Amino acid sequence: MHLERFLPYTSYDINRDSNAARTFADLGGRGVPMVRIGTNVVHGYNPEAVMSYLNGGK
């Protein structure tokens, strides 16, 4: 499933945007992709976790 077809999102380039790089570090960034859904952060490719948070899971 390609979520970009169904959900609005914003993509940031941490190599070109110092504010994005700072936010990435503040959120414990240790690799990409990193997805923030509300206050939840998913590190790495984990579609199950993303769907869980989108469906209100913890």
C-alpha atoms as a PDB file:
ATOM      1  CA  MET A   1       0.000   0.000   0.000  1.00  0.00           C
ATOM      2  CA  HIS A   2       1.289   3.447  -0.845  1.00  0.00           C
ATOM      3  CA  LEU A   3       0.162   5.739   1.958  1.00  0.00           C
ATOM      4  CA  GLU A   4       0.947   8.886   0.002  1.00  0.00           C
ATOM      5  CA  ARG A   5      -2.115   8.148  -2.110  1.00  0.00           C
ATOM      6  CA  PHE A   6      -4.359   8.334   0.961  1.00  0.00           C
ATOM      7  CA  LEU A   7      -2.698  10.568   3.543  1.00  0.00           C
ATOM      8  CA  PRO A   8      -1.248  14.041   3.361  1.00  0.00           C
ATOM      9  CA  TYR A   9       2.365  14.130   4.486  1.00  0.00           C
ATOM     10  CA  THR A  10       5.405  16.363   4.498  1.00  0.00           C
ATOM     11  CA  SER A  11       8.820  15.121   3.451  1.00  0.00           C
ATOM     12  CA  TYR A  12      12.015  16.720   4.779  1.00  0.00           C
ATOM     13  CA  ASP A  13      15.574  16.439   3.489  1.00  0.00           C
ATOM     14  CA  ILE A  14      17.787  16.276   6.585  1.00  0.00           C
ATOM     15  CA  ASN A  15      20.901  16.699   4.430  1.00  0.00           C
ATOM     16  CA  ARG A  16      19.759  20.044   3.015  1.00  0.00           C
ATOM     17  CA  ASP A  17      17.541  21.498   5.734  1.00  0.00           C
ATOM     18  CA  SER A  18      19.266  22.300   9.033  1.00  0.00           C
ATOM     19  CA  ASN A  19      15.949  22.724  10.867  1.00  0.00           C
ATOM     20  CA  ALA A  20      14.826  19.289   9.679  1.00  0.00           C
ATOM     21  CA  ALA A  21      18.171  17.807  10.733  1.00  0.00           C
ATOM     22  CA  ARG A  22      17.796  19.341  14.193  1.00  0.00           C
ATOM     23  CA  THR A  23      14.254  17.998  14.573  1.00  0.00           C
ATOM     24  CA  PHE A  24      15.414  14.580  13.369  1.00  0.00           C
ATOM     25  CA  ALA A  25      18.146  14.548  16.035  1.00  0.00           C
ATOM     26  CA  ASP A  26      15.774  15.816  18.742  1.00  0.00           C
ATOM     27  CA  LEU A  27      13.388  12.948  17.956  1.00  0.00           C
ATOM     28  CA  GLY A  28      16.187  10.395  18.331  1.00  0.00           C
ATOM     29  CA  GLY A  29      16.731   9.950  14.608  1.00  0.00           C
ATOM     30  CA  ARG A  30      19.076   7.099  13.874  1.00  0.00           C
ATOM     31  CA  GLY A  31      18.175   6.260  10.320  1.00  0.00           C
ATOM     32  CA  VAL A  32      15.593   6.838   7.656  1.00  0.00           C
ATOM     33  CA  PRO A  33      12.777   6.612   7.147  1.00  0.00           C
ATOM     34  CA  MET A  34      11.505   8.135  10.350  1.00  0.00           C
ATOM     35  CA  VAL A  35       7.782   8.807  10.605  1.00  0.00           C
ATOM     36  CA  ARG A  36       6.119  10.963  13.232  1.00  0.00           C
ATOM     37  CA  ILE A  37       2.408  10.449  13.785  1.00  0.00           C
ATOM     38  CA  GLY A  38       1.236  12.843  16.455  1.00  0.00           C
ATOM     39  CA  THR A  39       3.585  12.249  19.384  1.00  0.00           C
ATOM     40  CA  ASN A  40       4.582   8.767  18.175  1.00  0.00           C
ATOM     41  CA  VAL A  41       7.773   8.149  16.219  1.00  0.00           C
ATOM     42  CA  VAL A  42       8.467   5.113  14.036  1.00  0.00           C
ATOM     43  CA  HIS A  43      12.141   4.494  13.245  1.00  0.00           C
ATOM     44  CA  GLY A  44      12.903   2.579  10.070  1.00  0.00           C
ATOM     45  CA  TYR A  45      10.563   0.907   7.602  1.00  0.00           C
ATOM     46  CA  ASN A  46       7.710  -0.499   9.688  1.00  0.00           C
ATOM     47  CA  PRO A  47       4.350  -0.258   7.922  1.00  0.00           C
ATOM     48  CA  GLU A  48       2.619  -2.266  10.666  1.00  0.00           C
ATOM     49  CA  ALA A  49       3.618   0.279  13.334  1.00  0.00           C
ATOM     50  CA  VAL A  50       2.589   3.179  11.102  1.00  0.00           C
ATOM     51  CA  MET A  51      -0.832   1.632  10.492  1.00  0.00           C
ATOM     52  CA  SER A  52      -1.236   0.899  14.197  1.00  0.00           C
ATOM     53  CA  TYR A  53      -0.604   4.546  15.120  1.00  0.00           C
ATOM     54  CA  LEU A  54      -2.858   5.758  12.316  1.00  0.00           C
ATOM     55  CA  ASN A  55      -5.602   3.541  13.712  1.00  0.00           C
ATOM     56  CA  GLY A  56      -5.191   4.950  17.203  1.00  0.00           C
ATOM     57  CA  GLY A  57      -2.891   2.238  18.592  1.00  0.00           C
ATOM     58  CA  LYS A  58      -0.086   2.869  21.035  1.00  0.00           C
END
